[in-house]
Amino acid sequence: MVLKSIKQFFDEKLSVGKGQDTADDEHRMQLATAALLFEICKADYDTTQIEIDTVKQAIQQTFSLPEEAAVELVNLAEQELQDSTSYHQFTSLINQNFSPEQKVEVVENLWMVAFADGQLDKYEEHLIRRLADLLHVPHAQFIAAKHRVQEQLF
């Protein structure tokens, strides 16, 4: 009963292209991306404001959103993560709707969040590897994304 209600919730919140309008579809993809980025904030059990700000900036830049919309999206993503039991609902949505290049951009943003506090925790790195696998990003592109972010930041 509980599992059915959870599944229904995510079907309603994250399903794309089932007779709904394009704006709703776009919002679902933004939410899925924000949820994965926010999960990196929590990976090392020390969520910092700079990491949260980096998530907001990444969402803002990736989807060309105003700051208020990015803040709202990150808050909603945090709620979605608390209610989720796996990454599948997020990664499957991205896999169905993003190009390979857009998925690599998501991985780069994951690295940006992980490096935002000046240190890369082993849990953050492990989670990014796992998410990259779930997004079907090849290992070489996963590593290249990491190096691009490091060069940009350090």
C-alpha atoms as a PDB file:
ATOM      1  CA  MET A   1       0.000   0.000   0.000  1.00  0.00           C
ATOM      2  CA  VAL A   2       2.755   2.446   0.962  1.00  0.00           C
ATOM      3  CA  LEU A   3       4.886   1.407  -2.021  1.00  0.00           C
ATOM      4  CA  LYS A   4       1.924   1.929  -4.328  1.00  0.00           C
ATOM      5  CA  SER A   5       1.373   5.471  -3.032  1.00  0.00           C
ATOM      6  CA  ILE A   6       5.084   6.265  -3.380  1.00  0.00           C
ATOM      7  CA  LYS A   7       5.120   4.944  -6.938  1.00  0.00           C
ATOM      8  CA  GLN A   8       2.012   6.974  -7.765  1.00  0.00           C
ATOM      9  CA  PHE A   9       3.621  10.103  -6.326  1.00  0.00           C
ATOM     10  CA  PHE A  10       6.727   9.732  -8.479  1.00  0.00           C
ATOM     11  CA  ASP A  11       4.723   8.769 -11.540  1.00  0.00           C
ATOM     12  CA  GLU A  12       2.800  12.008 -11.165  1.00  0.00           C
ATOM     13  CA  LYS A  13       5.816  14.156 -10.323  1.00  0.00           C
ATOM     14  CA  LEU A  14       8.405  12.706 -12.684  1.00  0.00           C
ATOM     15  CA  SER A  15       6.658  11.046 -15.621  1.00  0.00           C
ATOM     16  CA  VAL A  16       7.349  12.743 -18.930  1.00  0.00           C
ATOM     17  CA  GLY A  17       5.337  12.824 -22.106  1.00  0.00           C
ATOM     18  CA  LYS A  18       2.096  11.214 -20.965  1.00  0.00           C
ATOM     19  CA  GLY A  19      -0.263  13.755 -22.446  1.00  0.00           C
ATOM     20  CA  GLN A  20       1.127  16.575 -20.335  1.00  0.00           C
ATOM     21  CA  ASP A  21       2.464  19.828 -21.668  1.00  0.00           C
ATOM     22  CA  THR A  22       6.074  20.483 -22.594  1.00  0.00           C
ATOM     23  CA  ALA A  23       6.597  22.927 -19.717  1.00  0.00           C
ATOM     24  CA  ASP A  24       5.721  20.167 -17.234  1.00  0.00           C
ATOM     25  CA  ASP A  25       8.132  17.802 -18.990  1.00  0.00           C
ATOM     26  CA  GLU A  26      10.904  20.384 -18.824  1.00  0.00           C
ATOM     27  CA  HIS A  27      10.201  20.988 -15.132  1.00  0.00           C
ATOM     28  CA  ARG A  28      10.444  17.241 -14.416  1.00  0.00           C
ATOM     29  CA  MET A  29      13.820  17.016 -16.127  1.00  0.00           C
ATOM     30  CA  GLN A  30      15.040  20.060 -14.210  1.00  0.00           C
ATOM     31  CA  LEU A  31      13.810  18.511 -10.971  1.00  0.00           C
ATOM     32  CA  ALA A  32      15.529  15.195 -11.701  1.00  0.00           C
ATOM     33  CA  THR A  33      18.806  16.985 -12.435  1.00  0.00           C
ATOM     34  CA  ALA A  34      18.543  19.160  -9.334  1.00  0.00           C
ATOM     35  CA  ALA A  35      17.837  16.099  -7.184  1.00  0.00           C
ATOM     36  CA  LEU A  36      21.010  14.354  -8.352  1.00  0.00           C
ATOM     37  CA  LEU A  37      23.076  17.484  -7.812  1.00  0.00           C
ATOM     38  CA  PHE A  38      21.634  18.003  -4.356  1.00  0.00           C
ATOM     39  CA  GLU A  39      22.385  14.382  -3.471  1.00  0.00           C
ATOM     40  CA  ILE A  40      26.092  15.146  -3.927  1.00  0.00           C
ATOM     41  CA  CYS A  41      25.754  17.854  -1.249  1.00  0.00           C
ATOM     42  CA  LYS A  42      24.652  15.177   1.193  1.00  0.00           C
ATOM     43  CA  ALA A  43      27.113  12.463   0.144  1.00  0.00           C
ATOM     44  CA  ASP A  44      29.826  13.415   2.645  1.00  0.00           C
ATOM     45  CA  TYR A  45      27.300  13.976   5.468  1.00  0.00           C
ATOM     46  CA  ASP A  46      28.328  17.643   5.628  1.00  0.00           C
ATOM     47  CA  THR A  47      26.089  19.805   3.471  1.00  0.00           C
ATOM     48  CA  THR A  48      27.623  23.266   3.175  1.00  0.00           C
ATOM     49  CA  GLN A  49      26.076  26.478   1.906  1.00  0.00           C
ATOM     50  CA  ILE A  50      28.675  26.723  -0.842  1.00  0.00           C
ATOM     51  CA  GLU A  51      27.596  23.306  -2.146  1.00  0.00           C
ATOM     52  CA  ILE A  52      23.931  24.345  -2.108  1.00  0.00           C
ATOM     53  CA  ASP A  53      24.828  27.594  -3.878  1.00  0.00           C
ATOM     54  CA  THR A  54      26.768  25.611  -6.490  1.00  0.00           C
ATOM     55  CA  VAL A  55      23.716  23.423  -7.113  1.00  0.00           C
ATOM     56  CA  LYS A  56      21.589  26.547  -7.587  1.00  0.00           C
ATOM     57  CA  GLN A  57      24.131  28.082  -9.970  1.00  0.00           C
ATOM     58  CA  ALA A  58      24.419  24.876 -11.985  1.00  0.00           C
ATOM     59  CA  ILE A  59      20.653  24.588 -12.315  1.00  0.00           C
ATOM     60  CA  GLN A  60      20.359  28.251 -13.202  1.00  0.00           C
ATOM     61  CA  GLN A  61      23.018  28.048 -15.922  1.00  0.00           C
ATOM     62  CA  THR A  62      22.055  24.658 -17.325  1.00  0.00           C
ATOM     63  CA  PHE A  63      18.390  25.487 -17.755  1.00  0.00           C
ATOM     64  CA  SER A  64      18.623  29.299 -18.111  1.00  0.00           C
ATOM     65  CA  LEU A  65      16.421  29.883 -15.091  1.00  0.00           C
ATOM     66  CA  PRO A  66      16.015  33.006 -12.977  1.00  0.00           C
ATOM     67  CA  GLU A  67      17.476  32.763  -9.485  1.00  0.00           C
ATOM     68  CA  GLU A  68      14.080  32.456  -7.772  1.00  0.00           C
ATOM     69  CA  ALA A  69      13.117  29.493  -9.971  1.00  0.00           C
ATOM     70  CA  ALA A  70      16.446  27.783  -9.272  1.00  0.00           C
ATOM     71  CA  VAL A  71      16.007  28.239  -5.508  1.00  0.00           C
ATOM     72  CA  GLU A  72      12.489  26.805  -5.678  1.00  0.00           C
ATOM     73  CA  LEU A  73      13.677  23.895  -7.801  1.00  0.00           C
ATOM     74  CA  VAL A  74      16.488  23.022  -5.384  1.00  0.00           C
ATOM     75  CA  ASN A  75      14.077  23.132  -2.436  1.00  0.00           C
ATOM     76  CA  LEU A  76      11.677  20.845  -4.279  1.00  0.00           C
ATOM     77  CA  ALA A  77      14.553  18.529  -5.222  1.00  0.00           C
ATOM     78  CA  GLU A  78      15.526  18.240  -1.558  1.00  0.00           C
ATOM     79  CA  GLN A  79      11.964  17.168  -0.718  1.00  0.00           C
ATOM     80  CA  GLU A  80      11.903  14.677  -3.589  1.00  0.00           C
ATOM     81  CA  LEU A  81      15.137  13.112  -2.341  1.00  0.00           C
ATOM     82  CA  GLN A  82      13.741  12.684   1.162  1.00  0.00           C
ATOM     83  CA  ASP A  83      10.808  10.764  -0.285  1.00  0.00           C
ATOM     84  CA  SER A  84      12.764   8.684  -2.801  1.00  0.00           C
ATOM     85  CA  THR A  85      14.120   5.205  -2.296  1.00  0.00           C
ATOM     86  CA  SER A  86      16.457   5.088  -5.298  1.00  0.00           C
ATOM     87  CA  TYR A  87      17.999   7.192  -8.043  1.00  0.00           C
ATOM     88  CA  HIS A  88      16.121   5.308 -10.752  1.00  0.00           C
ATOM     89  CA  GLN A  89      13.247   7.772 -11.101  1.00  0.00           C
ATOM     90  CA  PHE A  90      15.759  10.577 -11.641  1.00  0.00           C
ATOM     91  CA  THR A  91      18.313   8.831 -13.837  1.00  0.00           C
ATOM     92  CA  SER A  92      15.744   7.105 -16.035  1.00  0.00           C
ATOM     93  CA  LEU A  93      14.084  10.444 -16.772  1.00  0.00           C
ATOM     94  CA  ILE A  94      17.433  11.979 -17.709  1.00  0.00           C
ATOM     95  CA  ASN A  95      18.365   8.938 -19.798  1.00  0.00           C
ATOM     96  CA  GLN A  96      15.124   9.148 -21.752  1.00  0.00           C
ATOM     97  CA  ASN A  97      15.348  12.869 -22.470  1.00  0.00           C
ATOM     98  CA  PHE A  98      18.965  14.046 -22.453  1.00  0.00           C
ATOM     99  CA  SER A  99      21.528  13.663 -25.203  1.00  0.00           C
ATOM    100  CA  PRO A 100      24.894  12.057 -24.360  1.00  0.00           C
ATOM    101  CA  GLU A 101      26.413  15.552 -24.268  1.00  0.00           C
ATOM    102  CA  GLN A 102      23.769  16.768 -21.814  1.00  0.00           C
ATOM    103  CA  LYS A 103      24.454  13.761 -19.575  1.00  0.00           C
ATOM    104  CA  VAL A 104      28.158  14.609 -19.555  1.00  0.00           C
ATOM    105  CA  GLU A 105      27.187  18.157 -18.569  1.00  0.00           C
ATOM    106  CA  VAL A 106      25.211  16.704 -15.652  1.00  0.00           C
ATOM    107  CA  VAL A 107      28.313  14.752 -14.583  1.00  0.00           C
ATOM    108  CA  GLU A 108      30.419  17.921 -14.822  1.00  0.00           C
ATOM    109  CA  ASN A 109      27.903  19.674 -12.595  1.00  0.00           C
ATOM    110  CA  LEU A 110      28.090  16.787 -10.127  1.00  0.00           C
ATOM    111  CA  TRP A 111      31.859  17.300  -9.982  1.00  0.00           C
ATOM    112  CA  MET A 112      31.371  21.067  -9.518  1.00  0.00           C
ATOM    113  CA  VAL A 113      29.198  20.425  -6.464  1.00  0.00           C
ATOM    114  CA  ALA A 114      31.646  17.868  -5.055  1.00  0.00           C
ATOM    115  CA  PHE A 115      34.599  20.249  -5.399  1.00  0.00           C
ATOM    116  CA  ALA A 116      32.655  23.331  -4.213  1.00  0.00           C
ATOM    117  CA  ASP A 117      33.859  23.067  -0.607  1.00  0.00           C
ATOM    118  CA  GLY A 118      37.486  22.689  -1.693  1.00  0.00           C
ATOM    119  CA  GLN A 119      37.808  18.992  -1.003  1.00  0.00           C
ATOM    120  CA  LEU A 120      36.642  15.837  -2.693  1.00  0.00           C
ATOM    121  CA  ASP A 121      35.307  13.267  -0.270  1.00  0.00           C
ATOM    122  CA  LYS A 122      35.525   9.565  -1.153  1.00  0.00           C
ATOM    123  CA  TYR A 123      31.740   9.249  -0.752  1.00  0.00           C
ATOM    124  CA  GLU A 124      31.156  12.080  -3.205  1.00  0.00           C
ATOM    125  CA  GLU A 125      33.483  10.509  -5.748  1.00  0.00           C
ATOM    126  CA  HIS A 126      31.862   7.106  -5.318  1.00  0.00           C
ATOM    127  CA  LEU A 127      28.375   8.545  -5.773  1.00  0.00           C
ATOM    128  CA  ILE A 128      29.362  10.473  -8.897  1.00  0.00           C
ATOM    129  CA  ARG A 129      30.843   7.298 -10.369  1.00  0.00           C
ATOM    130  CA  ARG A 130      27.625   5.440  -9.583  1.00  0.00           C
ATOM    131  CA  LEU A 131      25.421   8.168 -11.057  1.00  0.00           C
ATOM    132  CA  ALA A 132      27.611   8.395 -14.177  1.00  0.00           C
ATOM    133  CA  ASP A 133      27.143   4.648 -14.635  1.00  0.00           C
ATOM    134  CA  LEU A 134      23.378   4.994 -14.207  1.00  0.00           C
ATOM    135  CA  LEU A 135      23.402   7.798 -16.785  1.00  0.00           C
ATOM    136  CA  HIS A 136      25.406   5.594 -19.185  1.00  0.00           C
ATOM    137  CA  VAL A 137      28.317   8.035 -19.292  1.00  0.00           C
ATOM    138  CA  PRO A 138      31.452   6.143 -20.369  1.00  0.00           C
ATOM    139  CA  HIS A 139      34.331   6.009 -17.901  1.00  0.00           C
ATOM    140  CA  ALA A 140      36.614   8.066 -20.162  1.00  0.00           C
ATOM    141  CA  GLN A 141      34.049  10.880 -20.273  1.00  0.00           C
ATOM    142  CA  PHE A 142      33.509  10.596 -16.518  1.00  0.00           C
ATOM    143  CA  ILE A 143      37.270  11.129 -15.946  1.00  0.00           C
ATOM    144  CA  ALA A 144      37.502  13.873 -18.591  1.00  0.00           C
ATOM    145  CA  ALA A 145      34.625  15.736 -16.905  1.00  0.00           C
ATOM    146  CA  LYS A 146      36.434  15.525 -13.568  1.00  0.00           C
ATOM    147  CA  HIS A 147      39.637  16.924 -15.075  1.00  0.00           C
ATOM    148  CA  ARG A 148      37.802  19.767 -16.840  1.00  0.00           C
ATOM    149  CA  VAL A 149      36.209  20.817 -13.569  1.00  0.00           C
ATOM    150  CA  GLN A 150      39.506  20.566 -11.677  1.00  0.00           C
ATOM    151  CA  GLU A 151      41.257  22.701 -14.298  1.00  0.00           C
ATOM    152  CA  GLN A 152      38.477  25.257 -14.119  1.00  0.00           C
ATOM    153  CA  LEU A 153      38.487  25.472 -10.312  1.00  0.00           C
ATOM    154  CA  PHE A 154      42.112  24.940  -9.312  1.00  0.00           C
END
